[in-house]
N, C-alpha and C. Protein backbone atom coordinates (compact mmCIF):
# COMPACT_ATOMS: atom_id res chain seq x y z
N MET A 1 -14.76 -55.82 -198.89
CA MET A 1 -14.75 -55.79 -197.44
C MET A 1 -15.62 -54.63 -196.98
N ARG A 2 -16.47 -54.90 -196.03
CA ARG A 2 -17.29 -53.83 -195.46
C ARG A 2 -17.36 -54.00 -193.94
N THR A 3 -17.82 -52.96 -193.28
CA THR A 3 -17.91 -52.97 -191.83
C THR A 3 -19.37 -53.03 -191.41
N ILE A 4 -19.66 -53.93 -190.49
CA ILE A 4 -21.01 -53.97 -189.92
C ILE A 4 -20.94 -53.54 -188.46
N GLN A 5 -22.02 -52.97 -187.98
CA GLN A 5 -22.10 -52.53 -186.58
C GLN A 5 -23.28 -53.21 -185.90
N LYS A 6 -23.09 -53.52 -184.64
CA LYS A 6 -24.14 -54.09 -183.80
C LYS A 6 -24.07 -53.41 -182.44
N THR A 7 -25.20 -53.33 -181.79
CA THR A 7 -25.25 -52.74 -180.45
C THR A 7 -25.73 -53.79 -179.46
N ALA A 8 -24.94 -53.96 -178.41
CA ALA A 8 -25.30 -54.88 -177.32
C ALA A 8 -25.81 -54.04 -176.16
N ILE A 9 -27.01 -54.34 -175.70
CA ILE A 9 -27.60 -53.61 -174.57
C ILE A 9 -27.41 -54.44 -173.32
N ILE A 10 -26.65 -53.87 -172.38
CA ILE A 10 -26.29 -54.56 -171.14
C ILE A 10 -26.85 -53.79 -169.96
N LYS A 11 -27.54 -54.48 -169.07
CA LYS A 11 -27.99 -53.84 -167.83
C LYS A 11 -26.76 -53.70 -166.94
N LEU A 12 -26.56 -52.50 -166.45
CA LEU A 12 -25.40 -52.22 -165.60
C LEU A 12 -25.83 -52.32 -164.14
N ASP A 13 -25.05 -53.04 -163.38
CA ASP A 13 -25.33 -53.14 -161.95
C ASP A 13 -24.66 -51.96 -161.26
N ALA A 14 -25.26 -50.79 -161.44
CA ALA A 14 -24.70 -49.55 -160.91
C ALA A 14 -25.80 -48.79 -160.20
N PRO A 15 -25.47 -48.18 -159.07
CA PRO A 15 -26.48 -47.37 -158.39
C PRO A 15 -26.85 -46.14 -159.24
N VAL A 16 -28.11 -45.98 -159.48
CA VAL A 16 -28.58 -44.83 -160.27
C VAL A 16 -28.10 -43.53 -159.62
N SER A 17 -28.09 -43.49 -158.30
CA SER A 17 -27.70 -42.27 -157.58
C SER A 17 -26.26 -41.86 -157.87
N GLU A 18 -25.40 -42.83 -158.24
CA GLU A 18 -24.01 -42.51 -158.57
C GLU A 18 -23.88 -41.89 -159.95
N LEU A 19 -24.73 -42.30 -160.86
CA LEU A 19 -24.61 -41.86 -162.26
C LEU A 19 -25.57 -40.72 -162.62
N LEU A 20 -26.63 -40.56 -161.88
CA LEU A 20 -27.63 -39.55 -162.20
C LEU A 20 -27.09 -38.12 -162.22
N PRO A 21 -26.20 -37.72 -161.29
CA PRO A 21 -25.66 -36.36 -161.39
C PRO A 21 -24.92 -36.09 -162.71
N THR A 22 -24.18 -37.08 -163.20
CA THR A 22 -23.47 -36.92 -164.47
C THR A 22 -24.47 -36.85 -165.62
N VAL A 23 -25.48 -37.72 -165.60
CA VAL A 23 -26.50 -37.70 -166.65
C VAL A 23 -27.26 -36.38 -166.63
N ASN A 24 -27.58 -35.87 -165.46
CA ASN A 24 -28.29 -34.59 -165.36
C ASN A 24 -27.44 -33.44 -165.90
N ALA A 25 -26.16 -33.41 -165.55
CA ALA A 25 -25.26 -32.36 -166.06
C ALA A 25 -25.12 -32.47 -167.58
N TYR A 26 -24.99 -33.69 -168.07
CA TYR A 26 -24.87 -33.92 -169.52
C TYR A 26 -26.15 -33.47 -170.23
N THR A 27 -27.29 -33.77 -169.65
CA THR A 27 -28.58 -33.37 -170.23
C THR A 27 -28.69 -31.85 -170.32
N LYS A 28 -28.33 -31.15 -169.24
CA LYS A 28 -28.36 -29.68 -169.26
C LYS A 28 -27.41 -29.13 -170.31
N ALA A 29 -26.22 -29.72 -170.41
CA ALA A 29 -25.25 -29.28 -171.41
C ALA A 29 -25.77 -29.57 -172.83
N PHE A 30 -26.38 -30.73 -173.01
CA PHE A 30 -26.97 -31.08 -174.31
C PHE A 30 -28.05 -30.07 -174.70
N ASN A 31 -28.94 -29.75 -173.79
CA ASN A 31 -30.01 -28.79 -174.08
C ASN A 31 -29.44 -27.41 -174.39
N PHE A 32 -28.40 -27.01 -173.66
CA PHE A 32 -27.73 -25.74 -173.94
C PHE A 32 -27.10 -25.76 -175.34
N ALA A 33 -26.41 -26.86 -175.67
CA ALA A 33 -25.76 -26.98 -176.97
C ALA A 33 -26.79 -26.94 -178.10
N CYS A 34 -27.91 -27.63 -177.91
CA CYS A 34 -28.97 -27.62 -178.93
C CYS A 34 -29.54 -26.22 -179.11
N LYS A 35 -29.80 -25.53 -178.02
CA LYS A 35 -30.36 -24.17 -178.10
C LYS A 35 -29.38 -23.23 -178.80
N THR A 36 -28.11 -23.33 -178.44
CA THR A 36 -27.10 -22.49 -179.06
C THR A 36 -27.00 -22.78 -180.56
N GLY A 37 -26.92 -24.05 -180.91
CA GLY A 37 -26.84 -24.43 -182.32
C GLY A 37 -28.09 -24.03 -183.09
N PHE A 38 -29.25 -24.20 -182.47
CA PHE A 38 -30.52 -23.86 -183.11
C PHE A 38 -30.61 -22.35 -183.34
N ASP A 39 -30.30 -21.58 -182.29
CA ASP A 39 -30.40 -20.12 -182.40
C ASP A 39 -29.40 -19.54 -183.39
N LEU A 40 -28.17 -20.09 -183.39
CA LEU A 40 -27.12 -19.56 -184.26
C LEU A 40 -27.04 -20.29 -185.60
N LYS A 41 -27.91 -21.28 -185.78
CA LYS A 41 -27.93 -22.10 -187.00
C LYS A 41 -26.57 -22.74 -187.27
N ILE A 42 -26.03 -23.35 -186.22
CA ILE A 42 -24.76 -24.08 -186.33
C ILE A 42 -25.08 -25.57 -186.39
N PHE A 43 -24.73 -26.20 -187.51
CA PHE A 43 -25.03 -27.62 -187.69
C PHE A 43 -23.75 -28.46 -187.86
N ASN A 44 -22.61 -27.82 -187.77
CA ASN A 44 -21.33 -28.49 -187.91
C ASN A 44 -20.78 -28.82 -186.52
N LYS A 45 -20.36 -30.06 -186.33
CA LYS A 45 -19.89 -30.51 -185.01
C LYS A 45 -18.72 -29.69 -184.49
N ILE A 46 -17.76 -29.44 -185.33
CA ILE A 46 -16.57 -28.70 -184.90
C ILE A 46 -16.92 -27.26 -184.57
N ASN A 47 -17.73 -26.61 -185.41
CA ASN A 47 -18.12 -25.22 -185.15
C ASN A 47 -18.93 -25.09 -183.87
N LEU A 48 -19.84 -26.04 -183.63
CA LEU A 48 -20.62 -25.99 -182.39
C LEU A 48 -19.71 -26.23 -181.19
N GLN A 49 -18.80 -27.15 -181.32
CA GLN A 49 -17.87 -27.41 -180.21
C GLN A 49 -17.06 -26.16 -179.88
N LYS A 50 -16.56 -25.47 -180.90
CA LYS A 50 -15.81 -24.22 -180.67
C LYS A 50 -16.65 -23.18 -179.96
N GLU A 51 -17.92 -23.14 -180.30
CA GLU A 51 -18.83 -22.14 -179.72
C GLU A 51 -19.15 -22.41 -178.25
N ILE A 52 -19.30 -23.67 -177.87
CA ILE A 52 -19.83 -23.98 -176.53
C ILE A 52 -18.84 -24.64 -175.57
N TYR A 53 -17.72 -25.16 -176.07
CA TYR A 53 -16.85 -26.02 -175.27
C TYR A 53 -16.46 -25.42 -173.91
N SER A 54 -15.88 -24.24 -173.91
CA SER A 54 -15.40 -23.64 -172.65
C SER A 54 -16.54 -23.43 -171.66
N PHE A 55 -17.67 -22.94 -172.17
CA PHE A 55 -18.82 -22.70 -171.30
C PHE A 55 -19.34 -24.00 -170.70
N VAL A 56 -19.44 -25.03 -171.52
CA VAL A 56 -19.94 -26.33 -171.06
C VAL A 56 -19.01 -26.90 -170.00
N ARG A 57 -17.70 -26.81 -170.21
CA ARG A 57 -16.74 -27.31 -169.23
C ARG A 57 -16.91 -26.61 -167.88
N GLU A 58 -17.02 -25.30 -167.94
CA GLU A 58 -17.09 -24.50 -166.72
C GLU A 58 -18.45 -24.60 -166.04
N ARG A 59 -19.50 -24.42 -166.81
CA ARG A 59 -20.85 -24.34 -166.25
C ARG A 59 -21.39 -25.68 -165.77
N PHE A 60 -21.13 -26.74 -166.52
CA PHE A 60 -21.73 -28.03 -166.20
C PHE A 60 -20.73 -29.01 -165.60
N ASP A 61 -19.47 -28.58 -165.45
CA ASP A 61 -18.44 -29.37 -164.77
C ASP A 61 -18.15 -30.70 -165.45
N LEU A 62 -18.35 -30.77 -166.77
CA LEU A 62 -18.08 -32.01 -167.50
C LEU A 62 -16.60 -32.08 -167.85
N GLN A 63 -16.05 -33.29 -167.80
CA GLN A 63 -14.66 -33.45 -168.22
C GLN A 63 -14.58 -33.23 -169.72
N ALA A 64 -13.36 -33.04 -170.22
CA ALA A 64 -13.14 -32.60 -171.60
C ALA A 64 -13.84 -33.47 -172.64
N GLN A 65 -13.69 -34.78 -172.53
CA GLN A 65 -14.25 -35.64 -173.57
C GLN A 65 -15.77 -35.64 -173.56
N LEU A 66 -16.38 -35.52 -172.39
CA LEU A 66 -17.84 -35.45 -172.33
C LEU A 66 -18.34 -34.12 -172.88
N ALA A 67 -17.57 -33.06 -172.69
CA ALA A 67 -17.94 -31.76 -173.26
C ALA A 67 -17.92 -31.83 -174.80
N CYS A 68 -16.94 -32.53 -175.35
CA CYS A 68 -16.90 -32.73 -176.81
C CYS A 68 -18.08 -33.59 -177.26
N SER A 69 -18.35 -34.63 -176.50
CA SER A 69 -19.44 -35.54 -176.83
C SER A 69 -20.78 -34.81 -176.90
N VAL A 70 -20.99 -33.87 -175.99
CA VAL A 70 -22.24 -33.10 -175.96
C VAL A 70 -22.45 -32.37 -177.28
N SER A 71 -21.42 -31.71 -177.76
CA SER A 71 -21.60 -30.94 -179.00
C SER A 71 -21.84 -31.87 -180.19
N PHE A 72 -21.19 -33.02 -180.21
CA PHE A 72 -21.42 -33.97 -181.30
C PHE A 72 -22.83 -34.54 -181.25
N LYS A 73 -23.29 -34.87 -180.06
CA LYS A 73 -24.64 -35.43 -179.92
C LYS A 73 -25.69 -34.37 -180.26
N ALA A 74 -25.45 -33.14 -179.83
CA ALA A 74 -26.38 -32.05 -180.14
C ALA A 74 -26.44 -31.79 -181.64
N THR A 75 -25.29 -31.84 -182.30
CA THR A 75 -25.26 -31.63 -183.75
C THR A 75 -26.06 -32.70 -184.47
N ASP A 76 -25.94 -33.94 -184.00
CA ASP A 76 -26.75 -35.02 -184.60
C ASP A 76 -28.24 -34.70 -184.48
N ALA A 77 -28.65 -34.23 -183.31
CA ALA A 77 -30.07 -33.88 -183.10
C ALA A 77 -30.47 -32.69 -183.98
N LEU A 78 -29.59 -31.70 -184.06
CA LEU A 78 -29.90 -30.52 -184.87
C LEU A 78 -29.98 -30.86 -186.35
N ASN A 79 -29.12 -31.74 -186.81
CA ASN A 79 -29.15 -32.12 -188.23
C ASN A 79 -30.41 -32.88 -188.60
N SER A 80 -31.05 -33.48 -187.61
CA SER A 80 -32.31 -34.18 -187.90
C SER A 80 -33.44 -33.20 -188.25
N ILE A 81 -33.30 -31.95 -187.83
CA ILE A 81 -34.34 -30.95 -188.15
C ILE A 81 -33.88 -29.96 -189.22
N LYS A 82 -32.67 -30.09 -189.67
CA LYS A 82 -32.10 -29.15 -190.64
C LYS A 82 -32.93 -29.05 -191.92
N GLN A 83 -33.39 -30.17 -192.44
CA GLN A 83 -34.18 -30.15 -193.68
C GLN A 83 -35.47 -29.37 -193.51
N LYS A 84 -36.10 -29.49 -192.35
CA LYS A 84 -37.33 -28.72 -192.10
C LYS A 84 -37.03 -27.23 -192.10
N LEU A 85 -35.91 -26.86 -191.50
CA LEU A 85 -35.54 -25.45 -191.47
C LEU A 85 -35.28 -24.92 -192.88
N LYS A 86 -34.62 -25.73 -193.71
CA LYS A 86 -34.33 -25.32 -195.10
C LYS A 86 -35.62 -25.08 -195.88
N LYS A 87 -36.66 -25.83 -195.58
CA LYS A 87 -37.94 -25.71 -196.29
C LYS A 87 -38.88 -24.73 -195.58
N ASN A 88 -38.36 -24.00 -194.60
CA ASN A 88 -39.14 -23.04 -193.81
C ASN A 88 -40.35 -23.69 -193.13
N GLN A 89 -40.22 -24.97 -192.82
CA GLN A 89 -41.29 -25.65 -192.09
C GLN A 89 -41.14 -25.37 -190.60
N LYS A 90 -42.23 -25.43 -189.92
CA LYS A 90 -42.21 -25.17 -188.48
C LYS A 90 -41.47 -26.32 -187.78
N THR A 91 -40.58 -25.95 -186.91
CA THR A 91 -39.83 -26.93 -186.12
C THR A 91 -39.45 -26.30 -184.79
N SER A 92 -38.98 -27.11 -183.89
CA SER A 92 -38.55 -26.57 -182.59
C SER A 92 -37.19 -27.13 -182.25
N CYS A 93 -36.57 -26.50 -181.32
CA CYS A 93 -35.24 -26.88 -180.87
C CYS A 93 -35.29 -28.24 -180.17
N PRO A 94 -34.38 -29.15 -180.50
CA PRO A 94 -34.34 -30.44 -179.78
C PRO A 94 -34.10 -30.21 -178.29
N LYS A 95 -34.74 -31.04 -177.48
CA LYS A 95 -34.60 -30.92 -176.02
C LYS A 95 -34.79 -32.31 -175.41
N SER A 96 -34.05 -32.58 -174.35
CA SER A 96 -34.16 -33.87 -173.69
C SER A 96 -34.42 -33.68 -172.20
N ASN A 97 -35.21 -34.59 -171.63
CA ASN A 97 -35.42 -34.58 -170.18
C ASN A 97 -34.37 -35.41 -169.45
N LEU A 98 -33.89 -36.46 -170.10
CA LEU A 98 -32.87 -37.33 -169.52
C LEU A 98 -32.07 -37.91 -170.68
N CYS A 99 -31.04 -37.19 -171.08
CA CYS A 99 -30.25 -37.52 -172.27
C CYS A 99 -29.27 -38.65 -171.97
N SER A 100 -29.15 -39.58 -172.89
CA SER A 100 -28.13 -40.62 -172.74
C SER A 100 -26.76 -39.99 -172.98
N ILE A 101 -25.74 -40.53 -172.32
CA ILE A 101 -24.38 -40.02 -172.48
C ILE A 101 -23.66 -40.87 -173.51
N ARG A 102 -23.09 -40.23 -174.51
CA ARG A 102 -22.31 -40.93 -175.53
C ARG A 102 -20.84 -40.95 -175.08
N TYR A 103 -20.33 -42.16 -174.89
CA TYR A 103 -18.93 -42.35 -174.49
C TYR A 103 -18.13 -42.85 -175.69
N ASP A 104 -16.85 -42.44 -175.74
CA ASP A 104 -15.95 -42.97 -176.76
C ASP A 104 -14.74 -43.59 -176.06
N ALA A 105 -13.74 -43.96 -176.84
CA ALA A 105 -12.57 -44.67 -176.29
C ALA A 105 -11.82 -43.87 -175.24
N ARG A 106 -11.97 -42.55 -175.23
CA ARG A 106 -11.27 -41.73 -174.25
C ARG A 106 -12.07 -41.51 -172.97
N SER A 107 -13.35 -41.83 -173.00
CA SER A 107 -14.18 -41.57 -171.82
C SER A 107 -14.75 -42.83 -171.18
N TYR A 108 -14.51 -43.99 -171.83
CA TYR A 108 -14.91 -45.25 -171.20
C TYR A 108 -13.96 -46.35 -171.65
N THR A 109 -13.84 -47.37 -170.80
CA THR A 109 -12.97 -48.50 -171.10
C THR A 109 -13.69 -49.78 -170.75
N LEU A 110 -13.68 -50.73 -171.68
CA LEU A 110 -14.21 -52.07 -171.42
C LEU A 110 -13.05 -52.97 -171.05
N ASN A 111 -13.15 -53.65 -169.92
CA ASN A 111 -12.16 -54.66 -169.55
C ASN A 111 -12.86 -56.00 -169.70
N LEU A 112 -12.60 -56.65 -170.82
CA LEU A 112 -13.32 -57.89 -171.13
C LEU A 112 -12.94 -59.04 -170.21
N LYS A 113 -11.67 -59.09 -169.79
CA LYS A 113 -11.25 -60.18 -168.90
C LYS A 113 -11.95 -60.08 -167.55
N LYS A 114 -12.05 -58.88 -167.02
CA LYS A 114 -12.71 -58.69 -165.72
C LYS A 114 -14.21 -58.50 -165.86
N GLN A 115 -14.69 -58.39 -167.10
CA GLN A 115 -16.09 -58.10 -167.40
C GLN A 115 -16.58 -56.89 -166.59
N GLU A 116 -15.86 -55.77 -166.81
CA GLU A 116 -16.26 -54.53 -166.17
C GLU A 116 -16.04 -53.37 -167.13
N VAL A 117 -16.66 -52.27 -166.79
CA VAL A 117 -16.54 -51.05 -167.58
C VAL A 117 -16.12 -49.92 -166.66
N SER A 118 -15.33 -49.01 -167.20
CA SER A 118 -14.91 -47.81 -166.50
C SER A 118 -15.51 -46.62 -167.23
N LEU A 119 -16.24 -45.77 -166.51
CA LEU A 119 -16.92 -44.63 -167.12
C LEU A 119 -16.47 -43.32 -166.48
N SER A 120 -16.32 -42.29 -167.29
CA SER A 120 -16.05 -40.95 -166.77
C SER A 120 -17.33 -40.39 -166.18
N THR A 121 -17.21 -39.84 -164.98
CA THR A 121 -18.35 -39.21 -164.32
C THR A 121 -17.90 -37.86 -163.77
N LEU A 122 -18.81 -37.14 -163.16
CA LEU A 122 -18.45 -35.89 -162.51
C LEU A 122 -17.47 -36.11 -161.37
N ASP A 123 -17.50 -37.30 -160.79
CA ASP A 123 -16.62 -37.65 -159.67
C ASP A 123 -15.42 -38.48 -160.11
N GLY A 124 -15.01 -38.37 -161.34
CA GLY A 124 -13.88 -39.15 -161.85
C GLY A 124 -14.35 -40.47 -162.45
N ARG A 125 -13.39 -41.36 -162.68
CA ARG A 125 -13.70 -42.66 -163.26
C ARG A 125 -14.35 -43.56 -162.24
N LYS A 126 -15.39 -44.27 -162.69
CA LYS A 126 -16.09 -45.26 -161.86
C LYS A 126 -16.08 -46.58 -162.61
N ARG A 127 -15.91 -47.67 -161.86
CA ARG A 127 -15.90 -49.01 -162.45
C ARG A 127 -17.16 -49.77 -162.03
N TYR A 128 -17.73 -50.49 -163.01
CA TYR A 128 -18.94 -51.26 -162.75
C TYR A 128 -18.82 -52.62 -163.43
N ALA A 129 -19.34 -53.63 -162.75
CA ALA A 129 -19.35 -54.98 -163.31
C ALA A 129 -20.37 -55.07 -164.43
N LEU A 130 -20.04 -55.85 -165.44
CA LEU A 130 -20.95 -56.11 -166.55
C LEU A 130 -21.48 -57.53 -166.42
N ALA A 131 -22.78 -57.67 -166.41
CA ALA A 131 -23.39 -59.00 -166.44
C ALA A 131 -23.79 -59.25 -167.89
N ILE A 132 -22.91 -59.92 -168.62
CA ILE A 132 -23.12 -60.12 -170.05
C ILE A 132 -23.91 -61.40 -170.28
N PRO A 133 -25.12 -61.27 -170.84
CA PRO A 133 -25.92 -62.47 -171.11
C PRO A 133 -25.21 -63.38 -172.12
N GLN A 134 -25.48 -64.64 -172.04
CA GLN A 134 -24.85 -65.64 -172.92
C GLN A 134 -25.03 -65.30 -174.40
N TYR A 135 -26.22 -64.85 -174.77
CA TYR A 135 -26.48 -64.59 -176.18
C TYR A 135 -25.70 -63.39 -176.74
N LEU A 136 -25.05 -62.60 -175.87
CA LEU A 136 -24.23 -61.47 -176.32
C LEU A 136 -22.74 -61.73 -176.17
N GLN A 137 -22.36 -62.88 -175.62
CA GLN A 137 -20.95 -63.18 -175.34
C GLN A 137 -20.07 -63.07 -176.58
N HIS A 138 -20.58 -63.44 -177.75
CA HIS A 138 -19.74 -63.43 -178.95
C HIS A 138 -19.23 -62.04 -179.31
N TYR A 139 -19.94 -60.99 -178.92
CA TYR A 139 -19.46 -59.63 -179.18
C TYR A 139 -18.24 -59.31 -178.33
N PHE A 140 -18.12 -59.97 -177.21
CA PHE A 140 -17.04 -59.70 -176.27
C PHE A 140 -15.87 -60.69 -176.43
N SER A 141 -15.90 -61.50 -177.48
CA SER A 141 -14.90 -62.56 -177.66
C SER A 141 -13.59 -62.06 -178.25
N GLY A 142 -13.56 -60.87 -178.76
CA GLY A 142 -12.36 -60.33 -179.37
C GLY A 142 -12.46 -60.21 -180.89
N GLU A 143 -13.45 -60.88 -181.51
CA GLU A 143 -13.65 -60.76 -182.96
C GLU A 143 -14.25 -59.41 -183.32
N TRP A 144 -15.01 -58.85 -182.41
CA TRP A 144 -15.66 -57.56 -182.63
C TRP A 144 -14.88 -56.48 -181.89
N LYS A 145 -14.83 -55.29 -182.47
CA LYS A 145 -14.15 -54.15 -181.85
C LYS A 145 -15.22 -53.22 -181.26
N ASN A 146 -15.09 -52.88 -179.96
CA ASN A 146 -16.05 -51.93 -179.40
C ASN A 146 -15.60 -50.52 -179.75
N THR A 147 -16.55 -49.71 -180.18
CA THR A 147 -16.21 -48.38 -180.68
C THR A 147 -16.75 -47.25 -179.80
N SER A 148 -17.90 -47.46 -179.21
CA SER A 148 -18.50 -46.42 -178.37
C SER A 148 -19.58 -47.07 -177.51
N ALA A 149 -20.13 -46.25 -176.62
CA ALA A 149 -21.22 -46.75 -175.78
C ALA A 149 -22.09 -45.56 -175.36
N ASP A 150 -23.33 -45.85 -175.12
CA ASP A 150 -24.25 -44.85 -174.59
C ASP A 150 -24.74 -45.33 -173.24
N LEU A 151 -24.62 -44.47 -172.25
CA LEU A 151 -25.16 -44.76 -170.93
C LEU A 151 -26.59 -44.25 -170.91
N VAL A 152 -27.52 -45.14 -170.62
CA VAL A 152 -28.94 -44.81 -170.66
C VAL A 152 -29.56 -45.12 -169.31
N ILE A 153 -30.28 -44.16 -168.78
CA ILE A 153 -31.08 -44.39 -167.57
C ILE A 153 -32.52 -44.29 -167.99
N ARG A 154 -33.28 -45.35 -167.74
CA ARG A 154 -34.69 -45.32 -168.12
C ARG A 154 -35.53 -45.95 -167.03
N LYS A 155 -36.80 -45.59 -167.10
CA LYS A 155 -37.74 -46.07 -166.11
C LYS A 155 -38.33 -47.40 -166.56
N GLN A 156 -38.27 -48.38 -165.67
CA GLN A 156 -38.90 -49.67 -165.92
C GLN A 156 -39.64 -50.06 -164.65
N LYS A 157 -40.93 -50.29 -164.81
CA LYS A 157 -41.77 -50.65 -163.66
C LYS A 157 -41.61 -49.66 -162.51
N ASN A 158 -41.70 -48.36 -162.86
CA ASN A 158 -41.63 -47.25 -161.90
C ASN A 158 -40.31 -47.18 -161.14
N LYS A 159 -39.25 -47.73 -161.72
CA LYS A 159 -37.94 -47.68 -161.09
C LYS A 159 -36.91 -47.33 -162.16
N LEU A 160 -35.95 -46.46 -161.82
CA LEU A 160 -34.90 -46.10 -162.77
C LEU A 160 -33.86 -47.21 -162.83
N LYS A 161 -33.47 -47.58 -164.05
CA LYS A 161 -32.46 -48.62 -164.25
C LYS A 161 -31.40 -48.09 -165.22
N VAL A 162 -30.19 -48.63 -165.08
CA VAL A 162 -29.05 -48.17 -165.86
C VAL A 162 -28.67 -49.23 -166.91
N PHE A 163 -28.49 -48.78 -168.15
CA PHE A 163 -28.11 -49.67 -169.24
C PHE A 163 -26.93 -49.06 -169.99
N LEU A 164 -26.11 -49.93 -170.53
CA LEU A 164 -25.02 -49.49 -171.38
C LEU A 164 -25.26 -50.09 -172.76
N HIS A 165 -25.40 -49.23 -173.76
CA HIS A 165 -25.58 -49.66 -175.15
C HIS A 165 -24.20 -49.60 -175.80
N ILE A 166 -23.57 -50.74 -175.95
CA ILE A 166 -22.20 -50.81 -176.46
C ILE A 166 -22.24 -51.11 -177.96
N THR A 167 -21.60 -50.25 -178.73
CA THR A 167 -21.55 -50.43 -180.19
C THR A 167 -20.27 -51.18 -180.56
N PHE A 168 -20.46 -52.24 -181.33
CA PHE A 168 -19.35 -53.06 -181.82
C PHE A 168 -19.33 -52.99 -183.34
N GLU A 169 -18.13 -53.18 -183.90
CA GLU A 169 -18.05 -53.28 -185.35
C GLU A 169 -17.09 -54.40 -185.73
N LYS A 170 -17.30 -54.90 -186.94
CA LYS A 170 -16.50 -56.01 -187.45
C LYS A 170 -16.42 -55.88 -188.97
N LYS A 171 -15.24 -56.13 -189.50
CA LYS A 171 -15.07 -56.15 -190.95
C LYS A 171 -15.41 -57.54 -191.47
N ILE A 172 -16.20 -57.57 -192.54
CA ILE A 172 -16.57 -58.85 -193.14
C ILE A 172 -16.32 -58.78 -194.65
N GLU A 173 -16.11 -59.92 -195.21
CA GLU A 173 -15.93 -60.02 -196.66
C GLU A 173 -17.28 -59.84 -197.35
N ASP A 174 -17.27 -59.12 -198.46
CA ASP A 174 -18.49 -59.00 -199.27
C ASP A 174 -18.78 -60.35 -199.90
N ALA A 175 -20.03 -60.72 -199.93
CA ALA A 175 -20.42 -61.97 -200.56
C ALA A 175 -20.28 -61.83 -202.07
N GLU A 176 -19.76 -62.85 -202.69
CA GLU A 176 -19.63 -62.82 -204.14
C GLU A 176 -20.96 -63.17 -204.77
N LEU A 177 -21.31 -62.47 -205.84
CA LEU A 177 -22.58 -62.72 -206.52
C LEU A 177 -22.39 -63.60 -207.72
């Protein structure tokens, strides 16, 4: 038995202006976390969280779970350059202009019956309708378990659009050889 993961990318019918303040605060917190981890050579998620958590909560006004998410996401970015640092190769601190927000079960909720999502923001929980394309419906059927999601704001045709990258997993039987 093994677990497979798939990501469904859904366009969210959400006003960018409602989500942009949270994304901007998360981006600033992410950049702060990366700089702190880079300068102090902290590559462990728990150690980085201990170092920055209180400051991130206070300074960037992020709710608890998003503050934890920032340190985990920053650690992932820092670990991508760790090997270069070990070999004394030139590298720079990871930095983002518009960082996606990583949500987990405590910071977002999928309501499959209503086809909506609830996201933690600076202004509390916000609910948005999901327009799930037919070709992705099977992920939402109940056979797959949703584990996390990334809120992504990106520019398309000179306009900012909001997407939710929802990660699903499913246990499958190993094929017999």
